[in-house]
Amino acid sequence: MLNIRVFLLAIVLLFASSPQAKGQADKPAVSREQAAALAQERYPGKIVKVQTENKQYRIRVLQADGRVVTVLVDGQSGRVKRDGI
């Protein structure tokens, strides 16, 4: 009887911890604010819009000359690249 209780307790603990582990894996390592700062460092200007798409951020930056640049920032690594290049 004690073995069954231990076994059931182990099963409950195993399944109880799974959503927490999954939630941490899905959460981006880079926040929206950090992504905006990274984009602004690489492409100076005013941040116009920040969108979250598929574990990355799409950020629109209004530059001093009036052009709007779309920048992608990876939500896990923080890698910055210009959209379309």
PDB file of N, CA and C in Angstrom:
ATOM      1  N   MET A   1       0.819  -1.194   0.000  1.00  0.00           N
ATOM      2  CA  MET A   1       0.000   0.000   0.000  1.00  0.00           C
ATOM      3  C   MET A   1       0.871   1.270   0.000  1.00  0.00           C
ATOM      4  N   LEU A   2       1.942   1.249   0.765  1.00  0.00           N
ATOM      5  CA  LEU A   2       2.841   2.396   0.820  1.00  0.00           C
ATOM      6  C   LEU A   2       3.515   2.626  -0.535  1.00  0.00           C
ATOM      7  N   ASN A   3       3.862   1.549  -1.231  1.00  0.00           N
ATOM      8  CA  ASN A   3       4.484   1.670  -2.548  1.00  0.00           C
ATOM      9  C   ASN A   3       3.554   2.330  -3.556  1.00  0.00           C
ATOM     10  N   ILE A   4       2.272   2.030  -3.478  1.00  0.00           N
ATOM     11  CA  ILE A   4       1.301   2.639  -4.393  1.00  0.00           C
ATOM     12  C   ILE A   4       1.194   4.131  -4.112  1.00  0.00           C
ATOM     13  N   ARG A   5       1.176   4.528  -2.844  1.00  0.00           N
ATOM     14  CA  ARG A   5       1.101   5.946  -2.482  1.00  0.00           C
ATOM     15  C   ARG A   5       2.338   6.698  -2.971  1.00  0.00           C
ATOM     16  N   VAL A   6       3.493   6.115  -2.794  1.00  0.00           N
ATOM     17  CA  VAL A   6       4.735   6.737  -3.252  1.00  0.00           C
ATOM     18  C   VAL A   6       4.716   6.875  -4.777  1.00  0.00           C
ATOM     19  N   PHE A   7       4.269   5.823  -5.453  1.00  0.00           N
ATOM     20  CA  PHE A   7       4.184   5.851  -6.911  1.00  0.00           C
ATOM     21  C   PHE A   7       3.223   6.940  -7.384  1.00  0.00           C
ATOM     22  N   LEU A   8       2.041   7.021  -6.775  1.00  0.00           N
ATOM     23  CA  LEU A   8       1.057   8.037  -7.161  1.00  0.00           C
ATOM     24  C   LEU A   8       1.569   9.448  -6.864  1.00  0.00           C
ATOM     25  N   LEU A   9       2.234   9.620  -5.746  1.00  0.00           N
ATOM     26  CA  LEU A   9       2.805  10.920  -5.400  1.00  0.00           C
ATOM     27  C   LEU A   9       3.861  11.334  -6.430  1.00  0.00           C
ATOM     28  N   ALA A  10       4.685  10.384  -6.848  1.00  0.00           N
ATOM     29  CA  ALA A  10       5.705  10.670  -7.858  1.00  0.00           C
ATOM     30  C   ALA A  10       5.065  11.080  -9.176  1.00  0.00           C
ATOM     31  N   ILE A  11       3.995  10.411  -9.567  1.00  0.00           N
ATOM     32  CA  ILE A  11       3.281  10.749 -10.814  1.00  0.00           C
ATOM     33  C   ILE A  11       2.689  12.155 -10.724  1.00  0.00           C
ATOM     34  N   VAL A  12       2.050  12.459  -9.603  1.00  0.00           N
ATOM     35  CA  VAL A  12       1.447  13.784  -9.417  1.00  0.00           C
ATOM     36  C   VAL A  12       2.514  14.876  -9.489  1.00  0.00           C
ATOM     37  N   LEU A  13       3.628  14.670  -8.829  1.00  0.00           N
ATOM     38  CA  LEU A  13       4.703  15.662  -8.845  1.00  0.00           C
ATOM     39  C   LEU A  13       5.302  15.827 -10.242  1.00  0.00           C
ATOM     40  N   LEU A  14       5.393  14.747 -10.966  1.00  0.00           N
ATOM     41  CA  LEU A  14       5.929  14.807 -12.321  1.00  0.00           C
ATOM     42  C   LEU A  14       5.052  15.664 -13.217  1.00  0.00           C
ATOM     43  N   PHE A  15       3.744  15.435 -13.174  1.00  0.00           N
ATOM     44  CA  PHE A  15       2.838  16.198 -14.032  1.00  0.00           C
ATOM     45  C   PHE A  15       2.609  17.610 -13.513  1.00  0.00           C
ATOM     46  N   ALA A  16       2.732  17.818 -12.234  1.00  0.00           N
ATOM     47  CA  ALA A  16       2.537  19.159 -11.672  1.00  0.00           C
ATOM     48  C   ALA A  16       3.665  20.095 -12.067  1.00  0.00           C
ATOM     49  N   SER A  17       4.861  19.582 -12.265  1.00  0.00           N
ATOM     50  CA  SER A  17       5.990  20.442 -12.604  1.00  0.00           C
ATOM     51  C   SER A  17       6.094  20.714 -14.103  1.00  0.00           C
ATOM     52  N   SER A  18       5.436  19.949 -14.927  1.00  0.00           N
ATOM     53  CA  SER A  18       5.541  20.110 -16.380  1.00  0.00           C
ATOM     54  C   SER A  18       5.053  21.466 -16.882  1.00  0.00           C
ATOM     55  N   PRO A  19       3.894  21.987 -16.458  1.00  0.00           N
ATOM     56  CA  PRO A  19       3.469  23.296 -16.967  1.00  0.00           C
ATOM     57  C   PRO A  19       4.433  24.420 -16.593  1.00  0.00           C
ATOM     58  N   GLN A  20       5.048  24.324 -15.426  1.00  0.00           N
ATOM     59  CA  GLN A  20       5.998  25.357 -15.025  1.00  0.00           C
ATOM     60  C   GLN A  20       7.213  25.336 -15.924  1.00  0.00           C
ATOM     61  N   ALA A  21       7.725  24.163 -16.198  1.00  0.00           N
ATOM     62  CA  ALA A  21       8.897  24.050 -17.059  1.00  0.00           C
ATOM     63  C   ALA A  21       8.566  24.522 -18.462  1.00  0.00           C
ATOM     64  N   LYS A  22       7.386  24.196 -18.951  1.00  0.00           N
ATOM     65  CA  LYS A  22       6.987  24.621 -20.285  1.00  0.00           C
ATOM     66  C   LYS A  22       6.821  26.136 -20.327  1.00  0.00           C
ATOM     67  N   GLY A  23       6.226  26.712 -19.299  1.00  0.00           N
ATOM     68  CA  GLY A  23       6.019  28.154 -19.249  1.00  0.00           C
ATOM     69  C   GLY A  23       7.331  28.912 -19.267  1.00  0.00           C
ATOM     70  N   GLN A  24       8.347  28.386 -18.613  1.00  0.00           N
ATOM     71  CA  GLN A  24       9.640  29.051 -18.591  1.00  0.00           C
ATOM     72  C   GLN A  24      10.327  28.939 -19.941  1.00  0.00           C
ATOM     73  N   ALA A  25      10.132  27.843 -20.643  1.00  0.00           N
ATOM     74  CA  ALA A  25      10.762  27.665 -21.953  1.00  0.00           C
ATOM     75  C   ALA A  25      10.121  28.573 -22.992  1.00  0.00           C
ATOM     76  N   ASP A  26       8.804  28.845 -22.865  1.00  0.00           N
ATOM     77  CA  ASP A  26       8.107  29.687 -23.829  1.00  0.00           C
ATOM     78  C   ASP A  26       8.350  31.174 -23.590  1.00  0.00           C
ATOM     79  N   LYS A  27       8.750  31.534 -22.396  1.00  0.00           N
ATOM     80  CA  LYS A  27       8.955  32.932 -22.062  1.00  0.00           C
ATOM     81  C   LYS A  27      10.246  33.436 -22.710  1.00  0.00           C
ATOM     82  N   PRO A  28      10.153  34.540 -23.451  1.00  0.00           N
ATOM     83  CA  PRO A  28      11.368  35.059 -24.092  1.00  0.00           C
ATOM     84  C   PRO A  28      12.403  35.522 -23.068  1.00  0.00           C
ATOM     85  N   ALA A  29      13.659  35.365 -23.407  1.00  0.00           N
ATOM     86  CA  ALA A  29      14.742  35.797 -22.532  1.00  0.00           C
ATOM     87  C   ALA A  29      14.917  37.316 -22.592  1.00  0.00           C
ATOM     88  N   VAL A  30      14.463  37.923 -23.680  1.00  0.00           N
ATOM     89  CA  VAL A  30      14.591  39.360 -23.901  1.00  0.00           C
ATOM     90  C   VAL A  30      13.200  39.987 -23.768  1.00  0.00           C
ATOM     91  N   SER A  31      13.067  40.999 -22.918  1.00  0.00           N
ATOM     92  CA  SER A  31      11.782  41.675 -22.736  1.00  0.00           C
ATOM     93  C   SER A  31      11.539  42.666 -23.863  1.00  0.00           C
ATOM     94  N   ARG A  32      10.322  43.176 -23.945  1.00  0.00           N
ATOM     95  CA  ARG A  32       9.979  44.179 -24.977  1.00  0.00           C
ATOM     96  C   ARG A  32      10.865  45.416 -24.831  1.00  0.00           C
ATOM     97  N   GLU A  33      11.086  45.835 -23.589  1.00  0.00           N
ATOM     98  CA  GLU A  33      11.895  47.024 -23.338  1.00  0.00           C
ATOM     99  C   GLU A  33      13.346  46.797 -23.756  1.00  0.00           C
ATOM    100  N   GLN A  34      13.864  45.620 -23.430  1.00  0.00           N
ATOM    101  CA  GLN A  34      15.237  45.298 -23.816  1.00  0.00           C
ATOM    102  C   GLN A  34      15.365  45.227 -25.332  1.00  0.00           C
ATOM    103  N   ALA A  35      14.374  44.630 -25.994  1.00  0.00           N
ATOM    104  CA  ALA A  35      14.395  44.533 -27.457  1.00  0.00           C
ATOM    105  C   ALA A  35      14.373  45.919 -28.087  1.00  0.00           C
ATOM    106  N   ALA A  36      13.552  46.817 -27.554  1.00  0.00           N
ATOM    107  CA  ALA A  36      13.486  48.178 -28.080  1.00  0.00           C
ATOM    108  C   ALA A  36      14.819  48.896 -27.890  1.00  0.00           C
ATOM    109  N   ALA A  37      15.447  48.709 -26.743  1.00  0.00           N
ATOM    110  CA  ALA A  37      16.753  49.335 -26.484  1.00  0.00           C
ATOM    111  C   ALA A  37      17.822  48.795 -27.423  1.00  0.00           C
ATOM    112  N   LEU A  38      17.817  47.471 -27.661  1.00  0.00           N
ATOM    113  CA  LEU A  38      18.782  46.874 -28.589  1.00  0.00           C
ATOM    114  C   LEU A  38      18.590  47.412 -30.006  1.00  0.00           C
ATOM    115  N   ALA A  39      17.350  47.534 -30.430  1.00  0.00           N
ATOM    116  CA  ALA A  39      17.065  48.062 -31.769  1.00  0.00           C
ATOM    117  C   ALA A  39      17.513  49.513 -31.886  1.00  0.00           C
ATOM    118  N   GLN A  40      17.275  50.283 -30.842  1.00  0.00           N
ATOM    119  CA  GLN A  40      17.632  51.703 -30.852  1.00  0.00           C
ATOM    120  C   GLN A  40      19.141  51.915 -30.819  1.00  0.00           C
ATOM    121  N   GLU A  41      19.867  51.020 -30.176  1.00  0.00           N
ATOM    122  CA  GLU A  41      21.337  51.107 -30.186  1.00  0.00           C
ATOM    123  C   GLU A  41      21.872  50.942 -31.606  1.00  0.00           C
ATOM    124  N   ARG A  42      21.320  49.962 -32.313  1.00  0.00           N
ATOM    125  CA  ARG A  42      21.805  49.631 -33.655  1.00  0.00           C
ATOM    126  C   ARG A  42      21.282  50.597 -34.712  1.00  0.00           C
ATOM    127  N   TYR A  43      20.022  51.035 -34.558  1.00  0.00           N
ATOM    128  CA  TYR A  43      19.382  51.954 -35.501  1.00  0.00           C
ATOM    129  C   TYR A  43      18.800  53.125 -34.710  1.00  0.00           C
ATOM    130  N   PRO A  44      19.606  54.168 -34.485  1.00  0.00           N
ATOM    131  CA  PRO A  44      19.158  55.298 -33.653  1.00  0.00           C
ATOM    132  C   PRO A  44      17.902  55.966 -34.212  1.00  0.00           C
ATOM    133  N   GLY A  45      17.039  56.375 -33.300  1.00  0.00           N
ATOM    134  CA  GLY A  45      15.809  57.065 -33.662  1.00  0.00           C
ATOM    135  C   GLY A  45      14.757  56.853 -32.599  1.00  0.00           C
ATOM    136  N   LYS A  46      13.540  57.252 -32.930  1.00  0.00           N
ATOM    137  CA  LYS A  46      12.414  57.138 -32.001  1.00  0.00           C
ATOM    138  C   LYS A  46      11.674  55.821 -32.262  1.00  0.00           C
ATOM    139  N   ILE A  47      11.425  55.058 -31.206  1.00  0.00           N
ATOM    140  CA  ILE A  47      10.671  53.816 -31.326  1.00  0.00           C
ATOM    141  C   ILE A  47       9.209  54.180 -31.558  1.00  0.00           C
ATOM    142  N   VAL A  48       8.662  53.702 -32.672  1.00  0.00           N
ATOM    143  CA  VAL A  48       7.286  54.009 -33.028  1.00  0.00           C
ATOM    144  C   VAL A  48       6.340  52.886 -32.608  1.00  0.00           C
ATOM    145  N   LYS A  49       6.789  51.631 -32.798  1.00  0.00           N
ATOM    146  CA  LYS A  49       5.912  50.503 -32.520  1.00  0.00           C
ATOM    147  C   LYS A  49       6.740  49.267 -32.191  1.00  0.00           C
ATOM    148  N   VAL A  50       6.244  48.455 -31.251  1.00  0.00           N
ATOM    149  CA  VAL A  50       6.880  47.178 -30.907  1.00  0.00           C
ATOM    150  C   VAL A  50       5.804  46.101 -30.966  1.00  0.00           C
ATOM    151  N   GLN A  51       6.026  45.072 -31.782  1.00  0.00           N
ATOM    152  CA  GLN A  51       5.103  43.951 -31.905  1.00  0.00           C
ATOM    153  C   GLN A  51       5.840  42.662 -31.553  1.00  0.00           C
ATOM    154  N   THR A  52       5.110  41.713 -30.968  1.00  0.00           N
ATOM    155  CA  THR A  52       5.675  40.406 -30.681  1.00  0.00           C
ATOM    156  C   THR A  52       5.150  39.425 -31.715  1.00  0.00           C
ATOM    157  N   GLU A  53       6.070  38.713 -32.386  1.00  0.00           N
ATOM    158  CA  GLU A  53       5.691  37.738 -33.407  1.00  0.00           C
ATOM    159  C   GLU A  53       6.603  36.521 -33.326  1.00  0.00           C
ATOM    160  N   ASN A  54       6.051  35.351 -33.079  1.00  0.00           N
ATOM    161  CA  ASN A  54       6.807  34.094 -33.142  1.00  0.00           C
ATOM    162  C   ASN A  54       8.170  34.153 -32.466  1.00  0.00           C
ATOM    163  N   LYS A  55       8.198  34.450 -31.187  1.00  0.00           N
ATOM    164  CA  LYS A  55       9.429  34.486 -30.389  1.00  0.00           C
ATOM    165  C   LYS A  55      10.431  35.529 -30.878  1.00  0.00           C
ATOM    166  N   GLN A  56       9.935  36.556 -31.539  1.00  0.00           N
ATOM    167  CA  GLN A  56      10.795  37.671 -31.928  1.00  0.00           C
ATOM    168  C   GLN A  56       9.979  38.957 -31.844  1.00  0.00           C
ATOM    169  N   TYR A  57      10.668  40.066 -31.846  1.00  0.00           N
ATOM    170  CA  TYR A  57      10.017  41.372 -31.792  1.00  0.00           C
ATOM    171  C   TYR A  57      10.230  42.085 -33.119  1.00  0.00           C
ATOM    172  N   ARG A  58       9.172  42.708 -33.607  1.00  0.00           N
ATOM    173  CA  ARG A  58       9.238  43.546 -34.802  1.00  0.00           C
ATOM    174  C   ARG A  58       9.102  44.985 -34.307  1.00  0.00           C
ATOM    175  N   ILE A  59      10.156  45.770 -34.526  1.00  0.00           N
ATOM    176  CA  ILE A  59      10.212  47.121 -33.969  1.00  0.00           C
ATOM    177  C   ILE A  59      10.367  48.121 -35.107  1.00  0.00           C
ATOM    178  N   ARG A  60       9.547  49.156 -35.080  1.00  0.00           N
ATOM    179  CA  ARG A  60       9.637  50.216 -36.079  1.00  0.00           C
ATOM    180  C   ARG A  60      10.318  51.422 -35.438  1.00  0.00           C
ATOM    181  N   VAL A  61      11.359  51.904 -36.133  1.00  0.00           N
ATOM    182  CA  VAL A  61      12.161  53.021 -35.624  1.00  0.00           C
ATOM    183  C   VAL A  61      12.076  54.164 -36.628  1.00  0.00           C
ATOM    184  N   LEU A  62      11.670  55.355 -36.143  1.00  0.00           N
ATOM    185  CA  LEU A  62      11.646  56.560 -36.965  1.00  0.00           C
ATOM    186  C   LEU A  62      12.997  57.242 -36.829  1.00  0.00           C
ATOM    187  N   GLN A  63      13.744  57.291 -37.924  1.00  0.00           N
ATOM    188  CA  GLN A  63      15.082  57.865 -37.889  1.00  0.00           C
ATOM    189  C   GLN A  63      15.028  59.382 -38.108  1.00  0.00           C
ATOM    190  N   ALA A  64      16.145  60.040 -37.832  1.00  0.00           N
ATOM    191  CA  ALA A  64      16.221  61.506 -37.899  1.00  0.00           C
ATOM    192  C   ALA A  64      15.889  62.049 -39.290  1.00  0.00           C
ATOM    193  N   ASP A  65      16.192  61.276 -40.341  1.00  0.00           N
ATOM    194  CA  ASP A  65      15.928  61.746 -41.703  1.00  0.00           C
ATOM    195  C   ASP A  65      14.490  61.471 -42.152  1.00  0.00           C
ATOM    196  N   GLY A  66      13.647  60.938 -41.265  1.00  0.00           N
ATOM    197  CA  GLY A  66      12.238  60.722 -41.573  1.00  0.00           C
ATOM    198  C   GLY A  66      11.910  59.308 -42.051  1.00  0.00           C
ATOM    199  N   ARG A  67      12.923  58.491 -42.285  1.00  0.00           N
ATOM    200  CA  ARG A  67      12.662  57.114 -42.720  1.00  0.00           C
ATOM    201  C   ARG A  67      12.252  56.256 -41.532  1.00  0.00           C
ATOM    202  N   VAL A  68      11.382  55.288 -41.808  1.00  0.00           N
ATOM    203  CA  VAL A  68      10.992  54.314 -40.793  1.00  0.00           C
ATOM    204  C   VAL A  68      11.674  53.001 -41.140  1.00  0.00           C
ATOM    205  N   VAL A  69      12.443  52.476 -40.190  1.00  0.00           N
ATOM    206  CA  VAL A  69      13.176  51.229 -40.366  1.00  0.00           C
ATOM    207  C   VAL A  69      12.494  50.162 -39.514  1.00  0.00           C
ATOM    208  N   THR A  70      12.252  48.989 -40.101  1.00  0.00           N
ATOM    209  CA  THR A  70      11.705  47.863 -39.345  1.00  0.00           C
ATOM    210  C   THR A  70      12.848  46.947 -38.953  1.00  0.00           C
ATOM    211  N   VAL A  71      12.948  46.681 -37.657  1.00  0.00           N
ATOM    212  CA  VAL A  71      14.040  45.897 -37.098  1.00  0.00           C
ATOM    213  C   VAL A  71      13.450  44.669 -36.413  1.00  0.00           C
ATOM    214  N   LEU A  72      14.107  43.515 -36.581  1.00  0.00           N
ATOM    215  CA  LEU A  72      13.706  42.288 -35.906  1.00  0.00           C
ATOM    216  C   LEU A  72      14.710  41.975 -34.809  1.00  0.00           C
ATOM    217  N   VAL A  73      14.202  41.667 -33.616  1.00  0.00           N
ATOM    218  CA  VAL A  73      15.053  41.294 -32.490  1.00  0.00           C
ATOM    219  C   VAL A  73      14.606  39.915 -32.017  1.00  0.00           C
ATOM    220  N   ASP A  74      15.530  38.955 -32.004  1.00  0.00           N
ATOM    221  CA  ASP A  74      15.236  37.602 -31.554  1.00  0.00           C
ATOM    222  C   ASP A  74      14.940  37.623 -30.057  1.00  0.00           C
ATOM    223  N   GLY A  75      13.833  37.030 -29.655  1.00  0.00           N
ATOM    224  CA  GLY A  75      13.408  37.038 -28.259  1.00  0.00           C
ATOM    225  C   GLY A  75      14.250  36.171 -27.354  1.00  0.00           C
ATOM    226  N   GLN A  76      15.007  35.244 -27.902  1.00  0.00           N
ATOM    227  CA  GLN A  76      15.852  34.370 -27.098  1.00  0.00           C
ATOM    228  C   GLN A  76      17.288  34.865 -27.038  1.00  0.00           C
ATOM    229  N   SER A  77      17.856  35.212 -28.194  1.00  0.00           N
ATOM    230  CA  SER A  77      19.278  35.576 -28.240  1.00  0.00           C
ATOM    231  C   SER A  77      19.525  37.079 -28.182  1.00  0.00           C
ATOM    232  N   GLY A  78      18.528  37.891 -28.547  1.00  0.00           N
ATOM    233  CA  GLY A  78      18.719  39.333 -28.592  1.00  0.00           C
ATOM    234  C   GLY A  78      19.377  39.807 -29.878  1.00  0.00           C
ATOM    235  N   ARG A  79      19.537  38.914 -30.840  1.00  0.00           N
ATOM    236  CA  ARG A  79      20.161  39.265 -32.119  1.00  0.00           C
ATOM    237  C   ARG A  79      19.294  40.275 -32.867  1.00  0.00           C
ATOM    238  N   VAL A  80      19.922  41.319 -33.381  1.00  0.00           N
ATOM    239  CA  VAL A  80      19.216  42.404 -34.068  1.00  0.00           C
ATOM    240  C   VAL A  80      19.545  42.358 -35.551  1.00  0.00           C
ATOM    241  N   LYS A  81      18.504  42.458 -36.377  1.00  0.00           N
ATOM    242  CA  LYS A  81      18.717  42.552 -37.812  1.00  0.00           C
ATOM    243  C   LYS A  81      17.605  43.395 -38.426  1.00  0.00           C
ATOM    244  N   ARG A  82      17.923  44.008 -39.536  1.00  0.00           N
ATOM    245  CA  ARG A  82      16.947  44.821 -40.245  1.00  0.00           C
ATOM    246  C   ARG A  82      16.025  43.897 -41.042  1.00  0.00           C
ATOM    247  N   ASP A  83      14.740  44.188 -41.020  1.00  0.00           N
ATOM    248  CA  ASP A  83      13.773  43.354 -41.731  1.00  0.00           C
ATOM    249  C   ASP A  83      13.983  43.466 -43.240  1.00  0.00           C
ATOM    250  N   GLY A  84      13.940  42.329 -43.914  1.00  0.00           N
ATOM    251  CA  GLY A  84      14.073  42.322 -45.365  1.00  0.00           C
ATOM    252  C   GLY A  84      15.503  42.186 -45.854  1.00  0.00           C
ATOM    253  N   ILE A  85      16.448  42.121 -44.952  1.00  0.00           N
ATOM    254  CA  ILE A  85      17.860  41.994 -45.378  1.00  0.00           C
ATOM    255  C   ILE A  85      18.360  40.632 -44.982  1.00  0.00           C
TER     256      ILE A  85
END
